């Protein structure tokens, strides 16, 4: 998962343009396909839907409790649940017994932060955790074929409603517990400041002197203290942060060169060597494998 600070940046800077929303009734066994490259918000008004996602491409969130896990296998959603797909992969939702949904196609302006968000987020009990946003979602969409509203300002209101719903769904994921061991945690506020700064800006040229200054320690004391607490050197930690972010960006479809630049590498070749040494495969191979996964 991504650091809370990176998520806060993503949520505060996200730029969403909604398409024409619609409501749809699905018969038993009917599928709702969301094509690759098409971001969408799906709110389940009634019935049930089942989606299957790769372990590397989706997150499932229990909104009331804030518990989140990487999805492995199928996920069934019931009335009041939501799905956010950022369009990185095709996604097919299937109803076994029938469903009523609101579908809002989205255009999400890509940034390094939004690309770090999970490509698909399944949010269970969204209406319970976010009743106001769920109320908006329930009223989005034209209820019947050929129906139009035509009122002035509808497009602006729709954008505000969709943005509220989308941010609420993503916030439910953002508010969940982070991985037990990442980023590393410590009771030392000075070391906490150092690790948070690196996670927030992995592309910066982090020198041992700069990191020691952030930690308000001398270079030697900082290096020894960092290794004692985290079991690794500051330089190795910076590399670990960069490689984790690199995998997130490549998973989201970012090019190798763009990823290299975002992480502060002087050359693509230098990035390729570091990635292969750390991950075991070339970044292009990792990206190709990720893009080959279907949801």
C-alpha atoms as a PDB file:
ATOM      1  CA  UNK A   1       0.000   0.000   0.000  1.00  0.00           C
ATOM      2  CA  UNK A   2       0.935   3.631  -0.271  1.00  0.00           C
ATOM      3  CA  UNK A   3       1.891   5.951   2.579  1.00  0.00           C
ATOM      4  CA  UNK A   4      -0.844   8.069   4.199  1.00  0.00           C
ATOM      5  CA  UNK A   5       0.917  11.238   3.046  1.00  0.00           C
ATOM      6  CA  UNK A   6       0.982  10.124  -0.589  1.00  0.00           C
ATOM      7  CA  UNK A   7      -2.676   9.175  -0.352  1.00  0.00           C
ATOM      8  CA  UNK A   8      -3.547  12.555   1.092  1.00  0.00           C
ATOM      9  CA  UNK A   9      -1.817  14.221  -1.871  1.00  0.00           C
ATOM     10  CA  UNK A  10      -3.665  11.979  -4.310  1.00  0.00           C
ATOM     11  CA  UNK A  11      -7.050  12.594  -2.730  1.00  0.00           C
ATOM     12  CA  UNK A  12      -6.554  16.354  -2.499  1.00  0.00           C
ATOM     13  CA  UNK A  13      -5.338  16.757  -6.072  1.00  0.00           C
ATOM     14  CA  UNK A  14      -7.539  14.275  -7.921  1.00  0.00           C
ATOM     15  CA  UNK A  15      -9.215  15.750 -10.996  1.00  0.00           C
ATOM     16  CA  UNK A  16     -12.333  13.887 -12.104  1.00  0.00           C
ATOM     17  CA  UNK A  17     -14.552  14.530 -15.112  1.00  0.00           C
ATOM     18  CA  UNK A  18     -17.718  12.401 -15.058  1.00  0.00           C
ATOM     19  CA  UNK A  19     -19.335  11.055 -18.171  1.00  0.00           C
ATOM     20  CA  UNK A  20     -23.041  10.492 -18.634  1.00  0.00           C
ATOM     21  CA  UNK A  21     -24.194   8.336 -15.733  1.00  0.00           C
ATOM     22  CA  UNK A  22     -26.839   5.686 -16.161  1.00  0.00           C
ATOM     23  CA  UNK A  23     -28.839   3.222 -14.119  1.00  0.00           C
ATOM     24  CA  UNK A  24     -29.013  -0.355 -15.289  1.00  0.00           C
ATOM     25  CA  UNK A  25     -30.982  -3.460 -14.384  1.00  0.00           C
ATOM     26  CA  UNK A  26     -29.049  -6.716 -14.741  1.00  0.00           C
ATOM     27  CA  UNK A  27     -30.886  -9.973 -15.172  1.00  0.00           C
ATOM     28  CA  UNK A  28     -29.712 -13.178 -13.512  1.00  0.00           C
ATOM     29  CA  UNK A  29     -26.432 -14.200 -15.107  1.00  0.00           C
ATOM     30  CA  UNK A  30     -26.001 -10.896 -16.948  1.00  0.00           C
ATOM     31  CA  UNK A  31     -22.591  -9.229 -17.046  1.00  0.00           C
ATOM     32  CA  UNK A  32     -21.554  -5.606 -16.704  1.00  0.00           C
ATOM     33  CA  UNK A  33     -18.261  -5.171 -18.603  1.00  0.00           C
ATOM     34  CA  UNK A  34     -15.984  -2.191 -17.930  1.00  0.00           C
ATOM     35  CA  UNK A  35     -13.448  -1.949 -20.723  1.00  0.00           C
ATOM     36  CA  UNK A  36      -9.771  -1.359 -20.127  1.00  0.00           C
ATOM     37  CA  UNK A  37      -8.976   2.332 -20.350  1.00  0.00           C
ATOM     38  CA  UNK A  38     -12.418   3.308 -19.055  1.00  0.00           C
ATOM     39  CA  UNK A  39     -12.489   4.409 -15.434  1.00  0.00           C
ATOM     40  CA  UNK A  40     -15.835   4.088 -13.705  1.00  0.00           C
ATOM     41  CA  UNK A  41     -17.684   4.226 -10.432  1.00  0.00           C
ATOM     42  CA  UNK A  42     -20.324   1.520  -9.931  1.00  0.00           C
ATOM     43  CA  UNK A  43     -22.787   1.825  -7.057  1.00  0.00           C
ATOM     44  CA  UNK A  44     -24.940  -1.201  -6.282  1.00  0.00           C
ATOM     45  CA  UNK A  45     -28.505  -0.012  -5.703  1.00  0.00           C
ATOM     46  CA  UNK A  46     -29.917  -3.498  -5.179  1.00  0.00           C
ATOM     47  CA  UNK A  47     -29.207  -7.183  -5.742  1.00  0.00           C
ATOM     48  CA  UNK A  48     -25.674  -8.565  -5.947  1.00  0.00           C
ATOM     49  CA  UNK A  49     -22.590  -8.470  -8.173  1.00  0.00           C
ATOM     50  CA  UNK A  50     -19.479 -10.610  -8.279  1.00  0.00           C
ATOM     51  CA  UNK A  51     -16.119  -9.515  -9.634  1.00  0.00           C
ATOM     52  CA  UNK A  52     -12.836 -11.368  -9.916  1.00  0.00           C
ATOM     53  CA  UNK A  53      -9.508  -9.552  -9.759  1.00  0.00           C
ATOM     54  CA  UNK A  54      -5.858 -10.446  -9.802  1.00  0.00           C
ATOM     55  CA  UNK A  55      -4.095 -10.363  -6.440  1.00  0.00           C
ATOM     56  CA  UNK A  56      -1.866  -7.578  -7.734  1.00  0.00           C
ATOM     57  CA  UNK A  57      -4.593  -5.364  -9.102  1.00  0.00           C
ATOM     58  CA  UNK A  58      -7.317  -4.884  -6.506  1.00  0.00           C
ATOM     59  CA  UNK A  59      -8.036  -4.051  -2.905  1.00  0.00           C
ATOM     60  CA  UNK A  60     -11.154  -4.926  -0.937  1.00  0.00           C
ATOM     61  CA  UNK A  61     -12.253  -2.646   1.882  1.00  0.00           C
ATOM     62  CA  UNK A  62     -14.790  -3.117   4.638  1.00  0.00           C
ATOM     63  CA  UNK A  63     -15.762   0.511   4.986  1.00  0.00           C
ATOM     64  CA  UNK A  64     -17.289   0.521   8.510  1.00  0.00           C
ATOM     65  CA  UNK A  65     -14.367  -1.264  10.172  1.00  0.00           C
ATOM     66  CA  UNK A  66     -11.634   0.156   7.948  1.00  0.00           C
ATOM     67  CA  UNK A  67     -10.135  -3.288   7.346  1.00  0.00           C
ATOM     68  CA  UNK A  68      -8.492  -3.739   3.952  1.00  0.00           C
ATOM     69  CA  UNK A  69      -6.855  -6.650   2.200  1.00  0.00           C
ATOM     70  CA  UNK A  70      -5.408  -7.351  -1.201  1.00  0.00           C
ATOM     71  CA  UNK A  71      -8.056  -9.183  -3.173  1.00  0.00           C
ATOM     72  CA  UNK A  72      -7.389 -12.798  -4.027  1.00  0.00           C
ATOM     73  CA  UNK A  73     -10.179 -14.399  -6.067  1.00  0.00           C
ATOM     74  CA  UNK A  74     -13.800 -13.309  -6.304  1.00  0.00           C
ATOM     75  CA  UNK A  75     -15.518 -10.552  -4.402  1.00  0.00           C
ATOM     76  CA  UNK A  76     -19.314 -10.417  -4.087  1.00  0.00           C
ATOM     77  CA  UNK A  77     -20.948  -7.058  -3.466  1.00  0.00           C
ATOM     78  CA  UNK A  78     -24.452  -6.392  -2.149  1.00  0.00           C
ATOM     79  CA  UNK A  79     -26.794  -3.381  -2.081  1.00  0.00           C
ATOM     80  CA  UNK A  80     -25.008  -0.310  -0.748  1.00  0.00           C
ATOM     81  CA  UNK A  81     -21.552  -1.459  -1.891  1.00  0.00           C
ATOM     82  CA  UNK A  82     -19.410   0.295  -4.484  1.00  0.00           C
ATOM     83  CA  UNK A  83     -16.650  -0.443  -6.978  1.00  0.00           C
ATOM     84  CA  UNK A  84     -14.119   2.086  -8.248  1.00  0.00           C
ATOM     85  CA  UNK A  85     -12.097   1.091 -11.317  1.00  0.00           C
ATOM     86  CA  UNK A  86      -9.409   3.439 -12.595  1.00  0.00           C
ATOM     87  CA  UNK A  87      -9.408   1.734 -15.994  1.00  0.00           C
ATOM     88  CA  UNK A  88      -5.980   0.121 -15.789  1.00  0.00           C
ATOM     89  CA  UNK A  89      -7.541  -3.215 -16.751  1.00  0.00           C
ATOM     90  CA  UNK A  90     -10.825  -4.496 -18.023  1.00  0.00           C
ATOM     91  CA  UNK A  91     -13.237  -5.507 -15.275  1.00  0.00           C
ATOM     92  CA  UNK A  92     -16.354  -7.655 -15.644  1.00  0.00           C
ATOM     93  CA  UNK A  93     -18.990  -7.727 -12.922  1.00  0.00           C
ATOM     94  CA  UNK A  94     -21.530 -10.560 -13.036  1.00  0.00           C
ATOM     95  CA  UNK A  95     -24.874 -10.848 -11.271  1.00  0.00           C
ATOM     96  CA  UNK A  96     -26.032 -14.357 -10.416  1.00  0.00           C
ATOM     97  CA  UNK A  97     -29.535 -13.381  -9.304  1.00  0.00           C
ATOM     98  CA  UNK A  98     -30.063  -9.882 -10.706  1.00  0.00           C
ATOM     99  CA  UNK A  99     -28.928  -6.393  -9.731  1.00  0.00           C
ATOM    100  CA  UNK A 100     -29.650  -2.694 -10.105  1.00  0.00           C
ATOM    101  CA  UNK A 101     -26.646  -0.412 -10.486  1.00  0.00           C
ATOM    102  CA  UNK A 102     -25.648   3.154 -11.143  1.00  0.00           C
ATOM    103  CA  UNK A 103     -22.648   3.415 -13.461  1.00  0.00           C
ATOM    104  CA  UNK A 104     -20.668   6.624 -13.837  1.00  0.00           C
ATOM    105  CA  UNK A 105     -17.856   6.629 -16.430  1.00  0.00           C
ATOM    106  CA  UNK A 106     -14.959   8.788 -15.287  1.00  0.00           C
ATOM    107  CA  UNK A 107     -11.950  10.572 -16.676  1.00  0.00           C
ATOM    108  CA  UNK A 108      -9.289  10.774 -13.976  1.00  0.00           C
ATOM    109  CA  UNK A 109      -6.313  13.016 -14.748  1.00  0.00           C
ATOM    110  CA  UNK A 110      -3.215  10.816 -14.264  1.00  0.00           C
ATOM    111  CA  UNK A 111      -0.512  11.918 -11.842  1.00  0.00           C
ATOM    112  CA  UNK A 112       2.241  10.011 -10.060  1.00  0.00           C
ATOM    113  CA  UNK A 113       0.055  10.010  -6.947  1.00  0.00           C
ATOM    114  CA  UNK A 114      -3.198   8.841  -8.531  1.00  0.00           C
ATOM    115  CA  UNK A 115      -1.273   6.134 -10.377  1.00  0.00           C
ATOM    116  CA  UNK A 116      -0.199   4.812  -6.987  1.00  0.00           C
ATOM    117  CA  UNK A 117      -3.823   4.158  -6.035  1.00  0.00           C
ATOM    118  CA  UNK A 118      -5.082   0.592  -6.483  1.00  0.00           C
ATOM    119  CA  UNK A 119      -6.523   0.020  -9.989  1.00  0.00           C
ATOM    120  CA  UNK A 120      -9.711  -1.481  -8.518  1.00  0.00           C
ATOM    121  CA  UNK A 121     -11.243  -0.877  -5.098  1.00  0.00           C
ATOM    122  CA  UNK A 122     -14.190  -2.954  -3.885  1.00  0.00           C
ATOM    123  CA  UNK A 123     -15.872  -1.147  -0.976  1.00  0.00           C
ATOM    124  CA  UNK A 124     -18.353  -3.180   1.068  1.00  0.00           C
ATOM    125  CA  UNK A 125     -21.042  -1.464   3.173  1.00  0.00           C
ATOM    126  CA  UNK A 126     -20.173   1.848   1.557  1.00  0.00           C
ATOM    127  CA  UNK A 127     -23.668   3.198   2.290  1.00  0.00           C
ATOM    128  CA  UNK A 128     -23.239   2.458   5.998  1.00  0.00           C
ATOM    129  CA  UNK A 129     -19.836   4.120   6.293  1.00  0.00           C
ATOM    130  CA  UNK A 130     -20.555   7.034   3.951  1.00  0.00           C
ATOM    131  CA  UNK A 131     -24.357   7.556   3.995  1.00  0.00           C
ATOM    132  CA  UNK A 132     -24.243  11.049   2.491  1.00  0.00           C
ATOM    133  CA  UNK A 133     -22.033  10.014  -0.417  1.00  0.00           C
ATOM    134  CA  UNK A 134     -24.074   6.843  -0.936  1.00  0.00           C
ATOM    135  CA  UNK A 135     -27.203   8.974  -1.041  1.00  0.00           C
ATOM    136  CA  UNK A 136     -25.661  11.013  -3.835  1.00  0.00           C
ATOM    137  CA  UNK A 137     -24.647   7.859  -5.686  1.00  0.00           C
ATOM    138  CA  UNK A 138     -28.172   6.473  -5.453  1.00  0.00           C
ATOM    139  CA  UNK A 139     -29.540   9.533  -7.250  1.00  0.00           C
ATOM    140  CA  UNK A 140     -26.970   9.660 -10.035  1.00  0.00           C
ATOM    141  CA  UNK A 141     -27.902   8.493 -13.486  1.00  0.00           C
ATOM    142  CA  UNK A 142     -30.839   8.713 -15.852  1.00  0.00           C
ATOM    143  CA  UNK A 143     -33.482   6.315 -14.532  1.00  0.00           C
ATOM    144  CA  UNK A 144     -34.929   5.272 -17.875  1.00  0.00           C
ATOM    145  CA  UNK A 145     -33.909   5.185 -21.530  1.00  0.00           C
ATOM    146  CA  UNK A 146     -34.590   8.515 -23.237  1.00  0.00           C
ATOM    147  CA  UNK A 147     -35.087  10.452 -20.006  1.00  0.00           C
ATOM    148  CA  UNK A 148     -33.318  13.815 -19.826  1.00  0.00           C
ATOM    149  CA  UNK A 149     -33.079  16.537 -17.249  1.00  0.00           C
ATOM    150  CA  UNK A 150     -31.749  19.463 -19.234  1.00  0.00           C
ATOM    151  CA  UNK A 151     -31.516  21.799 -16.269  1.00  0.00           C
ATOM    152  CA  UNK A 152     -28.851  24.482 -16.141  1.00  0.00           C
ATOM    153  CA  UNK A 153     -25.920  23.469 -13.983  1.00  0.00           C
ATOM    154  CA  UNK A 154     -26.634  19.734 -14.091  1.00  0.00           C
ATOM    155  CA  UNK A 155     -23.146  18.971 -15.424  1.00  0.00           C
ATOM    156  CA  UNK A 156     -21.484  20.931 -12.629  1.00  0.00           C
ATOM    157  CA  UNK A 157     -23.672  19.348  -9.955  1.00  0.00           C
ATOM    158  CA  UNK A 158     -23.005  15.897 -11.392  1.00  0.00           C
ATOM    159  CA  UNK A 159     -19.240  16.491 -11.265  1.00  0.00           C
ATOM    160  CA  UNK A 160     -19.421  17.584  -7.639  1.00  0.00           C
ATOM    161  CA  UNK A 161     -21.533  14.555  -6.748  1.00  0.00           C
ATOM    162  CA  UNK A 162     -19.284  12.099  -8.566  1.00  0.00           C
ATOM    163  CA  UNK A 163     -16.138  13.626  -7.075  1.00  0.00           C
ATOM    164  CA  UNK A 164     -17.654  13.354  -3.591  1.00  0.00           C
ATOM    165  CA  UNK A 165     -18.582   9.716  -4.114  1.00  0.00           C
ATOM    166  CA  UNK A 166     -15.214   8.819  -5.647  1.00  0.00           C
ATOM    167  CA  UNK A 167     -13.200  10.525  -2.923  1.00  0.00           C
ATOM    168  CA  UNK A 168     -15.333   8.904  -0.242  1.00  0.00           C
ATOM    169  CA  UNK A 169     -14.731   5.463  -1.718  1.00  0.00           C
ATOM    170  CA  UNK A 170     -11.003   6.057  -2.044  1.00  0.00           C
ATOM    171  CA  UNK A 171     -10.839   7.601   1.412  1.00  0.00           C
ATOM    172  CA  UNK A 172     -12.354   4.419   2.819  1.00  0.00           C
ATOM    173  CA  UNK A 173      -9.368   2.600   1.373  1.00  0.00           C
ATOM    174  CA  UNK A 174      -6.918   5.343   2.360  1.00  0.00           C
ATOM    175  CA  UNK A 175      -8.101   5.214   5.974  1.00  0.00           C
ATOM    176  CA  UNK A 176      -7.436   1.500   6.339  1.00  0.00           C
ATOM    177  CA  UNK A 177      -4.552   0.060   8.282  1.00  0.00           C
ATOM    178  CA  UNK A 178      -1.278   0.078   6.428  1.00  0.00           C
ATOM    179  CA  UNK A 179       0.957  -2.970   6.136  1.00  0.00           C
ATOM    180  CA  UNK A 180       2.319  -4.115   9.468  1.00  0.00           C
ATOM    181  CA  UNK A 181       5.927  -3.555   8.485  1.00  0.00           C
ATOM    182  CA  UNK A 182       5.757  -0.869   5.828  1.00  0.00           C
ATOM    183  CA  UNK A 183       6.669   1.899   6.107  1.00  0.00           C
ATOM    184  CA  UNK A 184       8.779   0.858   9.118  1.00  0.00           C
ATOM    185  CA  UNK A 185       7.512   2.235  12.409  1.00  0.00           C
ATOM    186  CA  UNK A 186       9.350   3.518  15.427  1.00  0.00           C
ATOM    187  CA  UNK A 187       8.608   5.513  18.554  1.00  0.00           C
ATOM    188  CA  UNK A 188      11.517   7.806  17.702  1.00  0.00           C
ATOM    189  CA  UNK A 189       9.912  10.972  16.245  1.00  0.00           C
ATOM    190  CA  UNK A 190      13.149  11.987  14.502  1.00  0.00           C
ATOM    191  CA  UNK A 191      13.473   8.695  12.635  1.00  0.00           C
ATOM    192  CA  UNK A 192       9.743   8.770  11.877  1.00  0.00           C
ATOM    193  CA  UNK A 193      10.268  12.158  10.236  1.00  0.00           C
ATOM    194  CA  UNK A 194      13.081  10.726   8.113  1.00  0.00           C
ATOM    195  CA  UNK A 195      11.223   7.649   6.840  1.00  0.00           C
ATOM    196  CA  UNK A 196       8.074   9.683   6.135  1.00  0.00           C
ATOM    197  CA  UNK A 197      10.039  12.253   4.150  1.00  0.00           C
ATOM    198  CA  UNK A 198      11.580   9.562   1.934  1.00  0.00           C
ATOM    199  CA  UNK A 199       8.213   7.883   1.314  1.00  0.00           C
ATOM    200  CA  UNK A 200       6.642  11.230   0.454  1.00  0.00           C
ATOM    201  CA  UNK A 201       9.355  12.143  -2.055  1.00  0.00           C
ATOM    202  CA  UNK A 202      11.290   9.049  -3.196  1.00  0.00           C
ATOM    203  CA  UNK A 203      12.615  10.810  -6.302  1.00  0.00           C
ATOM    204  CA  UNK A 204      14.631  13.313  -4.298  1.00  0.00           C
ATOM    205  CA  UNK A 205      18.407  12.942  -4.149  1.00  0.00           C
ATOM    206  CA  UNK A 206      18.623  11.730  -0.567  1.00  0.00           C
ATOM    207  CA  UNK A 207      22.146  11.908   0.843  1.00  0.00           C
ATOM    208  CA  UNK A 208      23.173  10.596   4.233  1.00  0.00           C
ATOM    209  CA  UNK A 209      23.950  14.169   5.297  1.00  0.00           C
ATOM    210  CA  UNK A 210      20.470  15.363   4.345  1.00  0.00           C
ATOM    211  CA  UNK A 211      18.769  12.448   6.090  1.00  0.00           C
ATOM    212  CA  UNK A 212      20.892  12.954   9.209  1.00  0.00           C
ATOM    213  CA  UNK A 213      19.944  16.629   9.260  1.00  0.00           C
ATOM    214  CA  UNK A 214      16.249  15.698   9.077  1.00  0.00           C
ATOM    215  CA  UNK A 215      16.819  13.388  12.021  1.00  0.00           C
ATOM    216  CA  UNK A 216      18.649  16.099  13.963  1.00  0.00           C
ATOM    217  CA  UNK A 217      21.680  13.843  14.412  1.00  0.00           C
ATOM    218  CA  UNK A 218      25.255  13.700  13.310  1.00  0.00           C
ATOM    219  CA  UNK A 219      25.994  11.570  10.277  1.00  0.00           C
ATOM    220  CA  UNK A 220      27.604   8.737  12.247  1.00  0.00           C
ATOM    221  CA  UNK A 221      25.025   8.699  15.030  1.00  0.00           C
ATOM    222  CA  UNK A 222      22.172   8.739  12.522  1.00  0.00           C
ATOM    223  CA  UNK A 223      23.568   5.864  10.438  1.00  0.00           C
ATOM    224  CA  UNK A 224      24.123   3.715  13.526  1.00  0.00           C
ATOM    225  CA  UNK A 225      20.733   4.567  15.040  1.00  0.00           C
ATOM    226  CA  UNK A 226      18.888   3.921  11.763  1.00  0.00           C
ATOM    227  CA  UNK A 227      20.474   0.490  11.321  1.00  0.00           C
ATOM    228  CA  UNK A 228      19.853  -0.407  14.957  1.00  0.00           C
ATOM    229  CA  UNK A 229      16.143   0.428  14.752  1.00  0.00           C
ATOM    230  CA  UNK A 230      15.286  -0.749  11.233  1.00  0.00           C
ATOM    231  CA  UNK A 231      17.932  -3.379  10.568  1.00  0.00           C
ATOM    232  CA  UNK A 232      19.082  -1.776   7.333  1.00  0.00           C
ATOM    233  CA  UNK A 233      21.144   1.177   6.151  1.00  0.00           C
ATOM    234  CA  UNK A 234      19.571   4.504   5.183  1.00  0.00           C
ATOM    235  CA  UNK A 235      20.707   4.004   1.566  1.00  0.00           C
ATOM    236  CA  UNK A 236      19.072   0.569   1.406  1.00  0.00           C
ATOM    237  CA  UNK A 237      15.879   2.019   2.823  1.00  0.00           C
ATOM    238  CA  UNK A 238      15.793   4.729   0.139  1.00  0.00           C
ATOM    239  CA  UNK A 239      16.251   2.059  -2.536  1.00  0.00           C
ATOM    240  CA  UNK A 240      13.469  -0.051  -1.019  1.00  0.00           C
ATOM    241  CA  UNK A 241      11.083   2.913  -1.082  1.00  0.00           C
ATOM    242  CA  UNK A 242      11.963   3.673  -4.689  1.00  0.00           C
ATOM    243  CA  UNK A 243      11.491   0.081  -5.817  1.00  0.00           C
ATOM    244  CA  UNK A 244       8.137  -0.205  -4.090  1.00  0.00           C
ATOM    245  CA  UNK A 245       6.992   3.001  -5.763  1.00  0.00           C
ATOM    246  CA  UNK A 246       8.445   1.824  -9.078  1.00  0.00           C
ATOM    247  CA  UNK A 247       6.373  -1.360  -8.934  1.00  0.00           C
ATOM    248  CA  UNK A 248       3.251   0.661  -8.135  1.00  0.00           C
ATOM    249  CA  UNK A 249       3.841   3.001 -11.077  1.00  0.00           C
ATOM    250  CA  UNK A 250       4.665   0.188 -13.491  1.00  0.00           C
ATOM    251  CA  UNK A 251       1.630  -1.761 -12.276  1.00  0.00           C
ATOM    252  CA  UNK A 252      -0.517   1.263 -13.105  1.00  0.00           C
ATOM    253  CA  UNK A 253       0.832   1.384 -16.683  1.00  0.00           C
ATOM    254  CA  UNK A 254       3.449   4.125 -16.301  1.00  0.00           C
ATOM    255  CA  UNK A 255       6.301   3.822 -18.808  1.00  0.00           C
ATOM    256  CA  UNK A 256       9.797   2.792 -17.771  1.00  0.00           C
ATOM    257  CA  UNK A 257      11.341   6.160 -18.680  1.00  0.00           C
ATOM    258  CA  UNK A 258       8.641   8.122 -16.895  1.00  0.00           C
ATOM    259  CA  UNK A 259       9.026   5.942 -13.808  1.00  0.00           C
ATOM    260  CA  UNK A 260      12.780   6.402 -13.906  1.00  0.00           C
ATOM    261  CA  UNK A 261      12.428  10.194 -14.016  1.00  0.00           C
ATOM    262  CA  UNK A 262       9.779  10.218 -11.262  1.00  0.00           C
ATOM    263  CA  UNK A 263      12.151   8.359  -8.961  1.00  0.00           C
ATOM    264  CA  UNK A 264      15.113  10.628  -9.582  1.00  0.00           C
ATOM    265  CA  UNK A 265      17.380   8.314 -11.581  1.00  0.00           C
ATOM    266  CA  UNK A 266      19.921  10.045 -13.815  1.00  0.00           C
ATOM    267  CA  UNK A 267      19.353   7.550 -16.614  1.00  0.00           C
ATOM    268  CA  UNK A 268      16.909   4.843 -17.605  1.00  0.00           C
ATOM    269  CA  UNK A 269      19.757   2.346 -17.650  1.00  0.00           C
ATOM    270  CA  UNK A 270      20.657   3.148 -14.056  1.00  0.00           C
ATOM    271  CA  UNK A 271      17.034   2.602 -13.071  1.00  0.00           C
ATOM    272  CA  UNK A 272      16.876  -0.676 -15.006  1.00  0.00           C
ATOM    273  CA  UNK A 273      19.978  -1.999 -13.249  1.00  0.00           C
ATOM    274  CA  UNK A 274      18.665  -1.017  -9.823  1.00  0.00           C
ATOM    275  CA  UNK A 275      15.249  -2.520 -10.497  1.00  0.00           C
ATOM    276  CA  UNK A 276      16.642  -5.789 -11.869  1.00  0.00           C
ATOM    277  CA  UNK A 277      19.072  -6.077  -8.949  1.00  0.00           C
ATOM    278  CA  UNK A 278      16.322  -5.449  -6.399  1.00  0.00           C
ATOM    279  CA  UNK A 279      13.325  -7.193  -7.986  1.00  0.00           C
ATOM    280  CA  UNK A 280      14.993  -9.845 -10.131  1.00  0.00           C
ATOM    281  CA  UNK A 281      13.442  -8.879 -13.469  1.00  0.00           C
ATOM    282  CA  UNK A 282      13.738  -5.903 -15.796  1.00  0.00           C
ATOM    283  CA  UNK A 283      11.146  -3.137 -15.282  1.00  0.00           C
ATOM    284  CA  UNK A 284       9.855  -3.675 -18.818  1.00  0.00           C
ATOM    285  CA  UNK A 285       9.258  -7.358 -18.055  1.00  0.00           C
ATOM    286  CA  UNK A 286       7.498  -6.478 -14.798  1.00  0.00           C
ATOM    287  CA  UNK A 287       5.281  -3.951 -16.594  1.00  0.00           C
ATOM    288  CA  UNK A 288       4.498  -6.377 -19.432  1.00  0.00           C
ATOM    289  CA  UNK A 289       3.551  -9.079 -16.953  1.00  0.00           C
ATOM    290  CA  UNK A 290       1.318  -6.656 -15.075  1.00  0.00           C
ATOM    291  CA  UNK A 291      -0.423  -5.481 -18.233  1.00  0.00           C
ATOM    292  CA  UNK A 292      -1.006  -9.052 -19.248  1.00  0.00           C
ATOM    293  CA  UNK A 293      -3.095  -9.753 -16.139  1.00  0.00           C
ATOM    294  CA  UNK A 294      -6.827  -9.653 -16.831  1.00  0.00           C
ATOM    295  CA  UNK A 295      -9.432  -8.910 -14.203  1.00  0.00           C
END
